[in-house]
């Protein structure tokens, strides 16, 4: 996946999200984002092709998947703000 791409999973309500990597062929960083667009936690370098449960730990409204290592390369950390129309920002 190109480094300027990702996959954004949007949920219809906040909840403790659980993801897994079955049928995913490359390691990812998963950013768990709350209703205000704040990164609450990051699962780094997830293991491809596994059913290991990856839990957000807190209620979130979205998950952004990026190539593994990209969150560190970009300096993204919990508490950072994601700007996207889904989170009600202009």
Protein backbone atom coordinates (compact mmCIF):
# COMPACT_ATOMS: atom_id res chain seq x y z
CA UNK A 1 0.00 0.00 0.00
CA UNK A 2 1.45 3.43 -0.81
CA UNK A 3 2.43 5.48 2.24
CA UNK A 4 -0.05 8.20 1.30
CA UNK A 5 -2.95 5.71 1.47
CA UNK A 6 -4.80 4.06 4.32
CA UNK A 7 -8.15 2.60 5.25
CA UNK A 8 -10.60 4.43 7.52
CA UNK A 9 -13.25 2.34 9.28
CA UNK A 10 -16.16 4.50 10.46
CA UNK A 11 -18.65 3.16 12.99
CA UNK A 12 -22.19 4.33 13.64
CA UNK A 13 -21.62 4.60 17.41
CA UNK A 14 -18.69 4.68 19.84
CA UNK A 15 -17.67 1.32 21.25
CA UNK A 16 -14.60 -0.69 22.19
CA UNK A 17 -13.50 -1.71 18.73
CA UNK A 18 -11.90 -5.09 18.12
CA UNK A 19 -9.99 -5.67 14.89
CA UNK A 20 -7.97 -8.58 13.51
CA UNK A 21 -5.59 -9.18 10.63
CA UNK A 22 -7.06 -12.30 9.00
CA UNK A 23 -6.74 -12.01 5.19
CA UNK A 24 -4.50 -8.94 5.57
CA UNK A 25 -1.13 -9.51 3.94
CA UNK A 26 0.90 -6.58 5.25
CA UNK A 27 1.63 -5.33 8.78
CA UNK A 28 -0.33 -2.25 9.78
CA UNK A 29 -0.51 0.48 12.41
CA UNK A 30 -4.08 0.89 13.67
CA UNK A 31 -5.07 4.30 15.04
CA UNK A 32 -8.15 4.16 17.28
CA UNK A 33 -9.99 7.49 17.09
CA UNK A 34 -12.76 8.84 19.35
CA UNK A 35 -15.84 10.87 18.39
CA UNK A 36 -13.88 14.14 18.62
CA UNK A 37 -11.18 12.92 16.22
CA UNK A 38 -8.62 12.34 18.97
CA UNK A 39 -6.26 9.38 18.62
CA UNK A 40 -6.88 7.38 21.80
CA UNK A 41 -4.52 4.46 21.17
CA UNK A 42 -2.31 2.95 18.48
CA UNK A 43 -1.66 -0.73 17.77
CA UNK A 44 1.70 -0.72 16.00
CA UNK A 45 3.12 -3.27 13.55
CA UNK A 46 0.21 -5.70 13.73
CA UNK A 47 0.90 -9.26 12.58
CA UNK A 48 -0.52 -10.20 9.15
CA UNK A 49 -2.79 -13.21 8.61
CA UNK A 50 -3.67 -13.72 12.28
CA UNK A 51 -6.88 -13.79 14.29
CA UNK A 52 -5.28 -12.11 17.26
CA UNK A 53 -7.79 -9.64 18.66
CA UNK A 54 -6.59 -6.03 18.59
CA UNK A 55 -8.67 -4.04 21.09
CA UNK A 56 -9.01 -0.25 21.17
CA UNK A 57 -9.11 -0.33 24.98
CA UNK A 58 -11.56 2.59 25.07
CA UNK A 59 -14.69 3.52 23.13
CA UNK A 60 -13.85 4.82 19.64
CA UNK A 61 -15.79 5.90 16.57
CA UNK A 62 -13.19 5.05 13.93
CA UNK A 63 -10.04 3.10 13.13
CA UNK A 64 -7.44 4.33 10.65
CA UNK A 65 -5.12 1.66 9.24
CA UNK A 66 -1.73 2.76 7.90
CA UNK A 67 1.37 0.88 6.80
CA UNK A 68 3.32 -0.43 9.80
CA UNK A 69 5.84 2.13 11.02
CA UNK A 70 4.11 5.08 9.40
CA UNK A 71 2.62 6.39 12.66
CA UNK A 72 6.15 6.62 14.13
CA UNK A 73 7.57 8.09 10.91
CA UNK A 74 4.90 10.80 10.96
CA UNK A 75 5.17 11.33 14.73
CA UNK A 76 1.53 10.38 15.37
CA UNK A 77 0.78 9.62 19.02
CA UNK A 78 -2.23 9.24 21.32
CA UNK A 79 -3.78 12.64 21.97
CA UNK A 80 -3.17 13.89 18.42
CA UNK A 81 -6.14 15.32 16.51
CA UNK A 82 -7.37 13.81 13.24
CA UNK A 83 -9.12 16.31 10.97
CA UNK A 84 -11.88 14.74 8.86
CA UNK A 85 -15.47 15.72 8.11
CA UNK A 86 -16.73 12.58 9.89
CA UNK A 87 -15.61 14.05 13.22
CA UNK A 88 -17.64 17.25 12.74
CA UNK A 89 -14.68 19.52 12.02
CA UNK A 90 -14.62 22.06 9.20
